[in-house]
PDB file of N, CA and C in Angstrom:
ATOM      1  N   MET A   1     -15.233  -6.798  -4.565  1.00  0.00           N
ATOM      2  CA  MET A   1     -14.006  -6.292  -3.976  1.00  0.00           C
ATOM      3  C   MET A   1     -13.312  -5.387  -4.981  1.00  0.00           C
ATOM      4  N   HIS A   2     -12.646  -4.374  -4.435  1.00  0.00           N
ATOM      5  CA  HIS A   2     -11.893  -3.425  -5.249  1.00  0.00           C
ATOM      6  C   HIS A   2     -10.515  -3.208  -4.632  1.00  0.00           C
ATOM      7  N   ALA A   3      -9.532  -2.973  -5.495  1.00  0.00           N
ATOM      8  CA  ALA A   3      -8.160  -2.762  -5.030  1.00  0.00           C
ATOM      9  C   ALA A   3      -7.645  -1.419  -5.514  1.00  0.00           C
ATOM     10  N   SER A   4      -6.805  -0.825  -4.700  1.00  0.00           N
ATOM     11  CA  SER A   4      -6.040   0.351  -5.075  1.00  0.00           C
ATOM     12  C   SER A   4      -4.574  -0.061  -5.011  1.00  0.00           C
ATOM     13  N   ILE A   5      -3.881   0.066  -6.139  1.00  0.00           N
ATOM     14  CA  ILE A   5      -2.485  -0.355  -6.236  1.00  0.00           C
ATOM     15  C   ILE A   5      -1.653   0.888  -6.499  1.00  0.00           C
ATOM     16  N   ARG A   6      -0.692   1.144  -5.603  1.00  0.00           N
ATOM     17  CA  ARG A   6       0.164   2.318  -5.724  1.00  0.00           C
ATOM     18  C   ARG A   6       1.609   1.861  -5.898  1.00  0.00           C
ATOM     19  N   ARG A   7       2.313   2.478  -6.867  1.00  0.00           N
ATOM     20  CA  ARG A   7       3.707   2.122  -7.141  1.00  0.00           C
ATOM     21  C   ARG A   7       4.605   3.315  -6.808  1.00  0.00           C
ATOM     22  N   TYR A   8       5.719   3.023  -6.131  1.00  0.00           N
ATOM     23  CA  TYR A   8       6.645   4.060  -5.693  1.00  0.00           C
ATOM     24  C   TYR A   8       8.098   3.651  -5.968  1.00  0.00           C
ATOM     25  N   ARG A   9       8.955   4.667  -6.034  1.00  0.00           N
ATOM     26  CA  ARG A   9      10.400   4.475  -5.929  1.00  0.00           C
ATOM     27  C   ARG A   9      10.779   4.972  -4.542  1.00  0.00           C
ATOM     28  N   LEU A  10      11.599   4.224  -3.861  1.00  0.00           N
ATOM     29  CA  LEU A  10      12.057   4.623  -2.527  1.00  0.00           C
ATOM     30  C   LEU A  10      13.320   5.461  -2.690  1.00  0.00           C
ATOM     31  N   VAL A  11      13.191   6.782  -2.503  1.00  0.00           N
ATOM     32  CA  VAL A  11      14.310   7.682  -2.754  1.00  0.00           C
ATOM     33  C   VAL A  11      15.093   8.044  -1.490  1.00  0.00           C
ATOM     34  N   LYS A  12      14.553   7.719  -0.332  1.00  0.00           N
ATOM     35  CA  LYS A  12      15.240   7.952   0.942  1.00  0.00           C
ATOM     36  C   LYS A  12      14.765   6.886   1.916  1.00  0.00           C
ATOM     37  N   GLY A  13      15.689   6.281   2.646  1.00  0.00           N
ATOM     38  CA  GLY A  13      15.331   5.250   3.608  1.00  0.00           C
ATOM     39  C   GLY A  13      15.541   3.863   3.030  1.00  0.00           C
ATOM     40  N   THR A  14      15.025   2.879   3.754  1.00  0.00           N
ATOM     41  CA  THR A  14      15.195   1.484   3.337  1.00  0.00           C
ATOM     42  C   THR A  14      13.832   0.795   3.261  1.00  0.00           C
ATOM     43  N   PRO A  15      13.740  -0.266   2.457  1.00  0.00           N
ATOM     44  CA  PRO A  15      12.480  -1.023   2.420  1.00  0.00           C
ATOM     45  C   PRO A  15      12.067  -1.542   3.798  1.00  0.00           C
ATOM     46  N   ASP A  16      13.048  -1.965   4.606  1.00  0.00           N
ATOM     47  CA  ASP A  16      12.717  -2.460   5.944  1.00  0.00           C
ATOM     48  C   ASP A  16      12.087  -1.374   6.806  1.00  0.00           C
ATOM     49  N   LEU A  17      12.557  -0.141   6.669  1.00  0.00           N
ATOM     50  CA  LEU A  17      11.990   0.966   7.433  1.00  0.00           C
ATOM     51  C   LEU A  17      10.569   1.274   6.977  1.00  0.00           C
ATOM     52  N   VAL A  18      10.332   1.237   5.671  1.00  0.00           N
ATOM     53  CA  VAL A  18       8.973   1.442   5.156  1.00  0.00           C
ATOM     54  C   VAL A  18       8.045   0.369   5.710  1.00  0.00           C
ATOM     55  N   GLN A  19       8.482  -0.881   5.665  1.00  0.00           N
ATOM     56  CA  GLN A  19       7.668  -1.998   6.182  1.00  0.00           C
ATOM     57  C   GLN A  19       7.385  -1.818   7.669  1.00  0.00           C
ATOM     58  N   GLU A  20       8.403  -1.438   8.415  1.00  0.00           N
ATOM     59  CA  GLU A  20       8.235  -1.253   9.860  1.00  0.00           C
ATOM     60  C   GLU A  20       7.208  -0.157  10.168  1.00  0.00           C
ATOM     61  N   LYS A  21       7.335   0.983   9.502  1.00  0.00           N
ATOM     62  CA  LYS A  21       6.419   2.107   9.745  1.00  0.00           C
ATOM     63  C   LYS A  21       5.018   1.800   9.217  1.00  0.00           C
ATOM     64  N   ALA A  22       4.933   1.111   8.084  1.00  0.00           N
ATOM     65  CA  ALA A  22       3.619   0.749   7.545  1.00  0.00           C
ATOM     66  C   ALA A  22       2.886  -0.177   8.504  1.00  0.00           C
ATOM     67  N   THR A  23       3.592  -1.152   9.050  1.00  0.00           N
ATOM     68  CA  THR A  23       2.973  -2.104   9.967  1.00  0.00           C
ATOM     69  C   THR A  23       2.576  -1.439  11.286  1.00  0.00           C
ATOM     70  N   ALA A  24       3.464  -0.599  11.810  1.00  0.00           N
ATOM     71  CA  ALA A  24       3.223   0.000  13.126  1.00  0.00           C
ATOM     72  C   ALA A  24       2.262   1.184  13.087  1.00  0.00           C
ATOM     73  N   ILE A  25       2.268   1.964  11.997  1.00  0.00           N
ATOM     74  CA  ILE A  25       1.528   3.217  11.991  1.00  0.00           C
ATOM     75  C   ILE A  25       0.391   3.237  10.964  1.00  0.00           C
ATOM     76  N   PHE A  26       0.684   2.868   9.710  1.00  0.00           N
ATOM     77  CA  PHE A  26      -0.343   2.998   8.671  1.00  0.00           C
ATOM     78  C   PHE A  26      -1.403   1.904   8.750  1.00  0.00           C
ATOM     79  N   LEU A  27      -0.996   0.678   8.921  1.00  0.00           N
ATOM     80  CA  LEU A  27      -1.957  -0.432   8.949  1.00  0.00           C
ATOM     81  C   LEU A  27      -3.035  -0.245  10.015  1.00  0.00           C
ATOM     82  N   PRO A  28      -2.691   0.157  11.251  1.00  0.00           N
ATOM     83  CA  PRO A  28      -3.760   0.386  12.236  1.00  0.00           C
ATOM     84  C   PRO A  28      -4.756   1.471  11.813  1.00  0.00           C
ATOM     85  N   LYS A  29      -4.309   2.445  10.999  1.00  0.00           N
ATOM     86  CA  LYS A  29      -5.211   3.509  10.536  1.00  0.00           C
ATOM     87  C   LYS A  29      -6.102   3.023   9.398  1.00  0.00           C
ATOM     88  N   ILE A  30      -5.503   2.395   8.399  1.00  0.00           N
ATOM     89  CA  ILE A  30      -6.273   2.013   7.213  1.00  0.00           C
ATOM     90  C   ILE A  30      -7.291   0.919   7.537  1.00  0.00           C
ATOM     91  N   CYS A  31      -6.956   0.066   8.483  1.00  0.00           N
ATOM     92  CA  CYS A  31      -7.886  -1.030   8.787  1.00  0.00           C
ATOM     93  C   CYS A  31      -9.140  -0.550   9.514  1.00  0.00           C
ATOM     94  N   THR A  32      -9.166   0.719   9.941  1.00  0.00           N
ATOM     95  CA  THR A  32     -10.378   1.257  10.568  1.00  0.00           C
ATOM     96  C   THR A  32     -11.358   1.811   9.534  1.00  0.00           C
ATOM     97  N   LEU A  33     -10.921   1.938   8.275  1.00  0.00           N
ATOM     98  CA  LEU A  33     -11.814   2.457   7.243  1.00  0.00           C
ATOM     99  C   LEU A  33     -12.918   1.449   6.933  1.00  0.00           C
ATOM    100  N   GLU A  34     -14.095   1.962   6.669  1.00  0.00           N
ATOM    101  CA  GLU A  34     -15.226   1.110   6.314  1.00  0.00           C
ATOM    102  C   GLU A  34     -14.901   0.302   5.054  1.00  0.00           C
ATOM    103  N   GLY A  35     -15.223  -0.979   5.090  1.00  0.00           N
ATOM    104  CA  GLY A  35     -15.033  -1.845   3.937  1.00  0.00           C
ATOM    105  C   GLY A  35     -13.641  -2.415   3.791  1.00  0.00           C
ATOM    106  N   PHE A  36     -12.731  -2.128   4.728  1.00  0.00           N
ATOM    107  CA  PHE A  36     -11.358  -2.613   4.645  1.00  0.00           C
ATOM    108  C   PHE A  36     -11.317  -4.138   4.648  1.00  0.00           C
ATOM    109  N   LEU A  37     -10.520  -4.707   3.729  1.00  0.00           N
ATOM    110  CA  LEU A  37     -10.320  -6.157   3.682  1.00  0.00           C
ATOM    111  C   LEU A  37      -8.858  -6.550   3.859  1.00  0.00           C
ATOM    112  N   SER A  38      -7.929  -5.826   3.208  1.00  0.00           N
ATOM    113  CA  SER A  38      -6.514  -6.159   3.376  1.00  0.00           C
ATOM    114  C   SER A  38      -5.616  -5.029   2.891  1.00  0.00           C
ATOM    115  N   TYR A  39      -4.368  -5.083   3.348  1.00  0.00           N
ATOM    116  CA  TYR A  39      -3.343  -4.125   2.932  1.00  0.00           C
ATOM    117  C   TYR A  39      -2.031  -4.880   2.847  1.00  0.00           C
ATOM    118  N   SER A  40      -1.291  -4.678   1.756  1.00  0.00           N
ATOM    119  CA  SER A  40      -0.010  -5.352   1.563  1.00  0.00           C
ATOM    120  C   SER A  40       1.035  -4.363   1.078  1.00  0.00           C
ATOM    121  N   VAL A  41       2.277  -4.587   1.493  1.00  0.00           N
ATOM    122  CA  VAL A  41       3.425  -3.843   0.996  1.00  0.00           C
ATOM    123  C   VAL A  41       4.333  -4.860   0.316  1.00  0.00           C
ATOM    124  N   VAL A  42       4.702  -4.565  -0.939  1.00  0.00           N
ATOM    125  CA  VAL A  42       5.556  -5.453  -1.716  1.00  0.00           C
ATOM    126  C   VAL A  42       6.822  -4.688  -2.087  1.00  0.00           C
ATOM    127  N   VAL A  43       7.987  -5.265  -1.781  1.00  0.00           N
ATOM    128  CA  VAL A  43       9.262  -4.690  -2.209  1.00  0.00           C
ATOM    129  C   VAL A  43       9.629  -5.371  -3.515  1.00  0.00           C
ATOM    130  N   THR A  44       9.762  -4.572  -4.591  1.00  0.00           N
ATOM    131  CA  THR A  44       9.948  -5.151  -5.918  1.00  0.00           C
ATOM    132  C   THR A  44      11.400  -5.224  -6.362  1.00  0.00           C
ATOM    133  N   GLY A  45      12.321  -4.780  -5.558  1.00  0.00           N
ATOM    134  CA  GLY A  45      13.723  -4.827  -5.947  1.00  0.00           C
ATOM    135  C   GLY A  45      14.169  -3.527  -6.579  1.00  0.00           C
ATOM    136  N   LEU A  46      15.373  -3.533  -7.121  1.00  0.00           N
ATOM    137  CA  LEU A  46      15.947  -2.324  -7.689  1.00  0.00           C
ATOM    138  C   LEU A  46      15.471  -2.113  -9.115  1.00  0.00           C
ATOM    139  N   GLY A  47      15.133  -0.878  -9.413  1.00  0.00           N
ATOM    140  CA  GLY A  47      14.750  -0.517 -10.773  1.00  0.00           C
ATOM    141  C   GLY A  47      15.974  -0.155 -11.592  1.00  0.00           C
ATOM    142  N   ASP A  48      15.778   0.257 -12.825  1.00  0.00           N
ATOM    143  CA  ASP A  48      16.883   0.661 -13.701  1.00  0.00           C
ATOM    144  C   ASP A  48      17.679   1.827 -13.118  1.00  0.00           C
ATOM    145  N   ASP A  49      17.032   2.613 -12.270  1.00  0.00           N
ATOM    146  CA  ASP A  49      17.692   3.757 -11.651  1.00  0.00           C
ATOM    147  C   ASP A  49      18.441   3.370 -10.372  1.00  0.00           C
ATOM    148  N   GLY A  50      18.397   2.082  -9.999  1.00  0.00           N
ATOM    149  CA  GLY A  50      19.087   1.613  -8.807  1.00  0.00           C
ATOM    150  C   GLY A  50      18.317   1.817  -7.523  1.00  0.00           C
ATOM    151  N   LEU A  51      17.107   2.361  -7.612  1.00  0.00           N
ATOM    152  CA  LEU A  51      16.300   2.608  -6.424  1.00  0.00           C
ATOM    153  C   LEU A  51      15.327   1.453  -6.191  1.00  0.00           C
ATOM    154  N   PRO A  52      15.105   1.105  -4.921  1.00  0.00           N
ATOM    155  CA  PRO A  52      14.127   0.052  -4.623  1.00  0.00           C
ATOM    156  C   PRO A  52      12.723   0.468  -5.026  1.00  0.00           C
ATOM    157  N   GLY A  53      11.929  -0.480  -5.430  1.00  0.00           N
ATOM    158  CA  GLY A  53      10.534  -0.248  -5.727  1.00  0.00           C
ATOM    159  C   GLY A  53       9.660  -0.736  -4.589  1.00  0.00           C
ATOM    160  N   ILE A  54       8.594  -0.011  -4.338  1.00  0.00           N
ATOM    161  CA  ILE A  54       7.608  -0.386  -3.322  1.00  0.00           C
ATOM    162  C   ILE A  54       6.242  -0.354  -3.999  1.00  0.00           C
ATOM    163  N   VAL A  55       5.454  -1.390  -3.803  1.00  0.00           N
ATOM    164  CA  VAL A  55       4.087  -1.437  -4.296  1.00  0.00           C
ATOM    165  C   VAL A  55       3.192  -1.700  -3.093  1.00  0.00           C
ATOM    166  N   THR A  56       2.108  -0.926  -2.979  1.00  0.00           N
ATOM    167  CA  THR A  56       1.139  -1.198  -1.919  1.00  0.00           C
ATOM    168  C   THR A  56      -0.189  -1.566  -2.560  1.00  0.00           C
ATOM    169  N   ILE A  57      -0.885  -2.482  -1.913  1.00  0.00           N
ATOM    170  CA  ILE A  57      -2.171  -2.963  -2.413  1.00  0.00           C
ATOM    171  C   ILE A  57      -3.176  -2.888  -1.273  1.00  0.00           C
ATOM    172  N   SER A  58      -4.196  -2.061  -1.466  1.00  0.00           N
ATOM    173  CA  SER A  58      -5.275  -1.923  -0.486  1.00  0.00           C
ATOM    174  C   SER A  58      -6.532  -2.533  -1.099  1.00  0.00           C
ATOM    175  N   VAL A  59      -7.195  -3.401  -0.349  1.00  0.00           N
ATOM    176  CA  VAL A  59      -8.392  -4.070  -0.851  1.00  0.00           C
ATOM    177  C   VAL A  59      -9.571  -3.709   0.050  1.00  0.00           C
ATOM    178  N   PHE A  60     -10.654  -3.281  -0.618  1.00  0.00           N
ATOM    179  CA  PHE A  60     -11.870  -2.863   0.078  1.00  0.00           C
ATOM    180  C   PHE A  60     -13.082  -3.492  -0.582  1.00  0.00           C
ATOM    181  N   GLU A  61     -14.203  -3.431   0.105  1.00  0.00           N
ATOM    182  CA  GLU A  61     -15.441  -3.983  -0.437  1.00  0.00           C
ATOM    183  C   GLU A  61     -15.925  -3.203  -1.657  1.00  0.00           C
ATOM    184  N   HIS A  62     -15.773  -1.866  -1.636  1.00  0.00           N
ATOM    185  CA  HIS A  62     -16.337  -1.031  -2.701  1.00  0.00           C
ATOM    186  C   HIS A  62     -15.281  -0.112  -3.304  1.00  0.00           C
ATOM    187  N   GLU A  63     -15.514   0.284  -4.546  1.00  0.00           N
ATOM    188  CA  GLU A  63     -14.575   1.120  -5.302  1.00  0.00           C
ATOM    189  C   GLU A  63     -14.257   2.436  -4.595  1.00  0.00           C
ATOM    190  N   ALA A  64     -15.267   3.134  -4.133  1.00  0.00           N
ATOM    191  CA  ALA A  64     -15.047   4.433  -3.487  1.00  0.00           C
ATOM    192  C   ALA A  64     -14.168   4.297  -2.250  1.00  0.00           C
ATOM    193  N   GLN A  65     -14.321   3.202  -1.536  1.00  0.00           N
ATOM    194  CA  GLN A  65     -13.505   2.975  -0.342  1.00  0.00           C
ATOM    195  C   GLN A  65     -12.042   2.764  -0.720  1.00  0.00           C
ATOM    196  N   ALA A  66     -11.806   1.988  -1.768  1.00  0.00           N
ATOM    197  CA  ALA A  66     -10.433   1.742  -2.227  1.00  0.00           C
ATOM    198  C   ALA A  66      -9.776   3.034  -2.679  1.00  0.00           C
ATOM    199  N   LYS A  67     -10.523   3.852  -3.418  1.00  0.00           N
ATOM    200  CA  LYS A  67      -9.972   5.125  -3.890  1.00  0.00           C
ATOM    201  C   LYS A  67      -9.702   6.074  -2.732  1.00  0.00           C
ATOM    202  N   ALA A  68     -10.563   6.070  -1.727  1.00  0.00           N
ATOM    203  CA  ALA A  68     -10.365   6.941  -0.565  1.00  0.00           C
ATOM    204  C   ALA A  68      -9.093   6.574   0.200  1.00  0.00           C
ATOM    205  N   SER A  69      -8.719   5.325   0.162  1.00  0.00           N
ATOM    206  CA  SER A  69      -7.512   4.903   0.879  1.00  0.00           C
ATOM    207  C   SER A  69      -6.261   5.549   0.290  1.00  0.00           C
ATOM    208  N   SER A  70      -6.309   5.942  -0.974  1.00  0.00           N
ATOM    209  CA  SER A  70      -5.145   6.563  -1.608  1.00  0.00           C
ATOM    210  C   SER A  70      -4.812   7.918  -0.992  1.00  0.00           C
ATOM    211  N   LYS A  71      -5.831   8.697  -0.643  1.00  0.00           N
ATOM    212  CA  LYS A  71      -5.575   9.986   0.013  1.00  0.00           C
ATOM    213  C   LYS A  71      -4.950   9.754   1.377  1.00  0.00           C
ATOM    214  N   MET A  72      -5.461   8.764   2.100  1.00  0.00           N
ATOM    215  CA  MET A  72      -4.890   8.450   3.403  1.00  0.00           C
ATOM    216  C   MET A  72      -3.423   8.044   3.251  1.00  0.00           C
ATOM    217  N   ALA A  73      -3.119   7.245   2.234  1.00  0.00           N
ATOM    218  CA  ALA A  73      -1.743   6.790   1.995  1.00  0.00           C
ATOM    219  C   ALA A  73      -0.833   7.971   1.659  1.00  0.00           C
ATOM    220  N   ALA A  74      -1.310   8.890   0.829  1.00  0.00           N
ATOM    221  CA  ALA A  74      -0.502  10.058   0.460  1.00  0.00           C
ATOM    222  C   ALA A  74      -0.211  10.928   1.679  1.00  0.00           C
ATOM    223  N   ASP A  75      -1.213  11.161   2.501  1.00  0.00           N
ATOM    224  CA  ASP A  75      -1.029  11.965   3.712  1.00  0.00           C
ATOM    225  C   ASP A  75      -0.037  11.294   4.656  1.00  0.00           C
ATOM    226  N   TRP A  76      -0.164   9.995   4.814  1.00  0.00           N
ATOM    227  CA  TRP A  76       0.736   9.257   5.696  1.00  0.00           C
ATOM    228  C   TRP A  76       2.173   9.320   5.189  1.00  0.00           C
ATOM    229  N   ALA A  77       2.379   9.138   3.882  1.00  0.00           N
ATOM    230  CA  ALA A  77       3.724   9.175   3.316  1.00  0.00           C
ATOM    231  C   ALA A  77       4.384  10.533   3.583  1.00  0.00           C
ATOM    232  N   LYS A  78       3.622  11.616   3.487  1.00  0.00           N
ATOM    233  CA  LYS A  78       4.163  12.945   3.793  1.00  0.00           C
ATOM    234  C   LYS A  78       4.574  13.046   5.257  1.00  0.00           C
ATOM    235  N   GLN A  79       3.765  12.473   6.150  1.00  0.00           N
ATOM    236  CA  GLN A  79       4.070  12.505   7.579  1.00  0.00           C
ATOM    237  C   GLN A  79       5.338  11.720   7.912  1.00  0.00           C
ATOM    238  N   MET A  80       5.704  10.761   7.083  1.00  0.00           N
ATOM    239  CA  MET A  80       6.870   9.909   7.329  1.00  0.00           C
ATOM    240  C   MET A  80       8.151  10.457   6.710  1.00  0.00           C
ATOM    241  N   SER A  81       8.128  11.696   6.208  1.00  0.00           N
ATOM    242  CA  SER A  81       9.267  12.242   5.468  1.00  0.00           C
ATOM    243  C   SER A  81      10.560  12.327   6.288  1.00  0.00           C
ATOM    244  N   ASP A  82      10.475  12.345   7.602  1.00  0.00           N
ATOM    245  CA  ASP A  82      11.691  12.316   8.423  1.00  0.00           C
ATOM    246  C   ASP A  82      12.367  10.944   8.359  1.00  0.00           C
ATOM    247  N   PHE A  83      11.609   9.912   8.008  1.00  0.00           N
ATOM    248  CA  PHE A  83      12.122   8.544   8.014  1.00  0.00           C
ATOM    249  C   PHE A  83      12.445   8.015   6.617  1.00  0.00           C
ATOM    250  N   PHE A  84      11.567   8.297   5.660  1.00  0.00           N
ATOM    251  CA  PHE A  84      11.767   7.824   4.298  1.00  0.00           C
ATOM    252  C   PHE A  84      11.011   8.727   3.333  1.00  0.00           C
ATOM    253  N   ALA A  85      11.346   8.609   2.047  1.00  0.00           N
ATOM    254  CA  ALA A  85      10.665   9.381   1.009  1.00  0.00           C
ATOM    255  C   ALA A  85      10.312   8.458  -0.148  1.00  0.00           C
ATOM    256  N   LEU A  86       9.059   8.532  -0.568  1.00  0.00           N
ATOM    257  CA  LEU A  86       8.561   7.736  -1.685  1.00  0.00           C
ATOM    258  C   LEU A  86       8.210   8.659  -2.838  1.00  0.00           C
ATOM    259  N   ASP A  87       8.687   8.314  -4.029  1.00  0.00           N
ATOM    260  CA  ASP A  87       8.326   9.033  -5.245  1.00  0.00           C
ATOM    261  C   ASP A  87       7.262   8.185  -5.946  1.00  0.00           C
ATOM    262  N   LYS A  88       6.033   8.683  -5.970  1.00  0.00           N
ATOM    263  CA  LYS A  88       4.937   7.926  -6.565  1.00  0.00           C
ATOM    264  C   LYS A  88       5.111   7.878  -8.083  1.00  0.00           C
ATOM    265  N   VAL A  89       5.118   6.663  -8.636  1.00  0.00           N
ATOM    266  CA  VAL A  89       5.307   6.509 -10.082  1.00  0.00           C
ATOM    267  C   VAL A  89       4.059   5.981 -10.777  1.00  0.00           C
ATOM    268  N   GLY A  90       3.039   5.624 -10.011  1.00  0.00           N
ATOM    269  CA  GLY A  90       1.806   5.173 -10.634  1.00  0.00           C
ATOM    270  C   GLY A  90       0.783   4.729  -9.622  1.00  0.00           C
ATOM    271  N   GLU A  91      -0.456   4.732 -10.080  1.00  0.00           N
ATOM    272  CA  GLU A  91      -1.560   4.263  -9.239  1.00  0.00           C
ATOM    273  C   GLU A  91      -2.672   3.753 -10.142  1.00  0.00           C
ATOM    274  N   GLU A  92      -3.254   2.661  -9.730  1.00  0.00           N
ATOM    275  CA  GLU A  92      -4.392   2.095 -10.445  1.00  0.00           C
ATOM    276  C   GLU A  92      -5.376   1.567  -9.423  1.00  0.00           C
ATOM    277  N   SER A  93      -6.625   1.519  -9.822  1.00  0.00           N
ATOM    278  CA  SER A  93      -7.624   0.894  -8.967  1.00  0.00           C
ATOM    279  C   SER A  93      -8.613   0.174  -9.863  1.00  0.00           C
ATOM    280  N   GLY A  94      -9.229  -0.836  -9.309  1.00  0.00           N
ATOM    281  CA  GLY A  94     -10.197  -1.563 -10.109  1.00  0.00           C
ATOM    282  C   GLY A  94     -10.858  -2.676  -9.320  1.00  0.00           C
ATOM    283  N   ARG A  95     -11.817  -3.276  -9.983  1.00  0.00           N
ATOM    284  CA  ARG A  95     -12.590  -4.367  -9.384  1.00  0.00           C
ATOM    285  C   ARG A  95     -11.774  -5.655  -9.463  1.00  0.00           C
ATOM    286  N   ILE A  96     -11.750  -6.389  -8.388  1.00  0.00           N
ATOM    287  CA  ILE A  96     -11.064  -7.682  -8.359  1.00  0.00           C
ATOM    288  C   ILE A  96     -12.012  -8.702  -8.970  1.00  0.00           C
ATOM    289  N   VAL A  97     -11.580  -9.325 -10.055  1.00  0.00           N
ATOM    290  CA  VAL A  97     -12.464 -10.238 -10.778  1.00  0.00           C
ATOM    291  C   VAL A  97     -12.172 -11.703 -10.477  1.00  0.00           C
ATOM    292  N   SER A  98     -11.047 -11.979  -9.842  1.00  0.00           N
ATOM    293  CA  SER A  98     -10.718 -13.355  -9.470  1.00  0.00           C
ATOM    294  C   SER A  98      -9.918 -13.296  -8.177  1.00  0.00           C
ATOM    295  N   HIS A  99     -10.285 -14.123  -7.223  1.00  0.00           N
ATOM    296  CA  HIS A  99      -9.616 -14.084  -5.924  1.00  0.00           C
ATOM    297  C   HIS A  99      -9.761 -15.443  -5.253  1.00  0.00           C
ATOM    298  N   GLU A 100      -8.708 -15.890  -4.658  1.00  0.00           N
ATOM    299  CA  GLU A 100      -8.743 -17.110  -3.832  1.00  0.00           C
ATOM    300  C   GLU A 100      -8.009 -16.789  -2.562  1.00  0.00           C
ATOM    301  N   GLY A 101      -8.614 -17.030  -1.443  1.00  0.00           N
ATOM    302  CA  GLY A 101      -7.994 -16.763  -0.148  1.00  0.00           C
ATOM    303  C   GLY A 101      -7.825 -18.055   0.631  1.00  0.00           C
ATOM    304  N   PRO A 102      -7.307 -17.914   1.837  1.00  0.00           N
ATOM    305  CA  PRO A 102      -7.122 -19.090   2.690  1.00  0.00           C
ATOM    306  C   PRO A 102      -8.466 -19.762   2.994  1.00  0.00           C
ATOM    307  N   ARG A 103      -8.404 -21.035   3.096  1.00  0.00           N
ATOM    308  CA  ARG A 103      -9.620 -21.799   3.432  1.00  0.00           C
ATOM    309  C   ARG A 103      -9.513 -22.290   4.860  1.00  0.00           C
ATOM    310  N   SER A 104     -10.625 -22.322   5.532  1.00  0.00           N
ATOM    311  CA  SER A 104     -10.604 -22.845   6.901  1.00  0.00           C
ATOM    312  C   SER A 104     -10.359 -24.340   6.868  1.00  0.00           C
ATOM    313  N   ARG A 105      -9.647 -24.797   7.869  1.00  0.00           N
ATOM    314  CA  ARG A 105      -9.335 -26.235   7.942  1.00  0.00           C
ATOM    315  C   ARG A 105     -10.103 -26.839   9.100  1.00  0.00           C
ATOM    316  N   SER A 106     -10.720 -27.940   8.839  1.00  0.00           N
ATOM    317  CA  SER A 106     -11.523 -28.571   9.898  1.00  0.00           C
ATOM    318  C   SER A 106     -10.746 -29.661  10.568  1.00  0.00           C
TER     319      SER A 106
END
């Protein structure tokens, strides 16, 4: 498994609006990509500049798939400029070396 982690400052709009649009519009698109495993939006609170932080985590089976999701995310963020604006402050991707998920209950 590989993850792409993108960090943003929210310079226009609200975290709730980002979450709403991500759930309604972006998630249905990203989950159609080959190798998709999960997508999360994390609101990190206010930074030193007083702006909310947003972190997104996309998890895919392979590295190339995780990296490809970043272009999709950038394009989507531009399309949402009437609703909110994100200032990208960092991005990392890498192999997930430890993971525990939900277990089925019998």
